């Protein structure tokens, strides 16, 4: 995966975390966990 793809996915996940916290009123810790899972799956880390 190219560097620009990883950076754009990371930027999208950060924006998603902020939206989850501010708009959807999700607990920030839960939003960070969800964001980390999404980032890992989208960048090819895979499941545990």
Protein backbone atom coordinates (compact mmCIF):
# COMPACT_ATOMS: atom_id res chain seq x y z
CA UNK A 1 0.00 0.00 0.00
CA UNK A 2 1.33 3.43 -0.95
CA UNK A 3 2.18 6.05 1.66
CA UNK A 4 -0.41 8.50 0.37
CA UNK A 5 -3.12 5.85 0.74
CA UNK A 6 -2.20 5.19 4.36
CA UNK A 7 -2.10 8.93 5.11
CA UNK A 8 -5.49 9.54 3.51
CA UNK A 9 -7.05 6.61 5.37
CA UNK A 10 -5.56 7.90 8.62
CA UNK A 11 -6.93 11.40 7.97
CA UNK A 12 -10.39 9.96 7.24
CA UNK A 13 -10.31 7.89 10.44
CA UNK A 14 -9.30 10.93 12.52
CA UNK A 15 -12.19 12.92 11.02
CA UNK A 16 -14.48 9.97 11.73
CA UNK A 17 -13.35 9.85 15.37
CA UNK A 18 -14.05 13.57 15.80
CA UNK A 19 -17.49 13.18 14.21
CA UNK A 20 -18.31 10.22 16.45
CA UNK A 21 -17.35 12.20 19.55
CA UNK A 22 -18.93 15.54 18.67
CA UNK A 23 -22.00 14.65 16.61
CA UNK A 24 -22.95 11.15 17.72
CA UNK A 25 -22.00 11.72 21.39
CA UNK A 26 -20.09 8.42 21.63
CA UNK A 27 -17.75 7.97 24.57
CA UNK A 28 -14.29 9.22 23.43
CA UNK A 29 -12.53 6.04 24.55
CA UNK A 30 -14.96 3.92 22.56
CA UNK A 31 -14.60 6.19 19.53
CA UNK A 32 -10.80 5.80 19.69
CA UNK A 33 -11.08 2.01 19.91
CA UNK A 34 -13.44 1.92 16.92
CA UNK A 35 -11.15 4.25 14.99
CA UNK A 36 -8.10 2.12 15.74
CA UNK A 37 -9.91 -1.02 14.60
CA UNK A 38 -11.06 0.61 11.38
CA UNK A 39 -7.58 1.99 10.70
CA UNK A 40 -6.00 -1.40 11.23
CA UNK A 41 -8.45 -3.20 8.99
CA UNK A 42 -8.30 -0.63 6.18
CA UNK A 43 -4.50 -0.49 6.11
CA UNK A 44 -4.19 -4.26 5.86
CA UNK A 45 -3.22 -5.18 9.40
CA UNK A 46 -5.92 -7.86 9.54
CA UNK A 47 -7.67 -9.42 12.47
CA UNK A 48 -6.01 -10.86 15.52
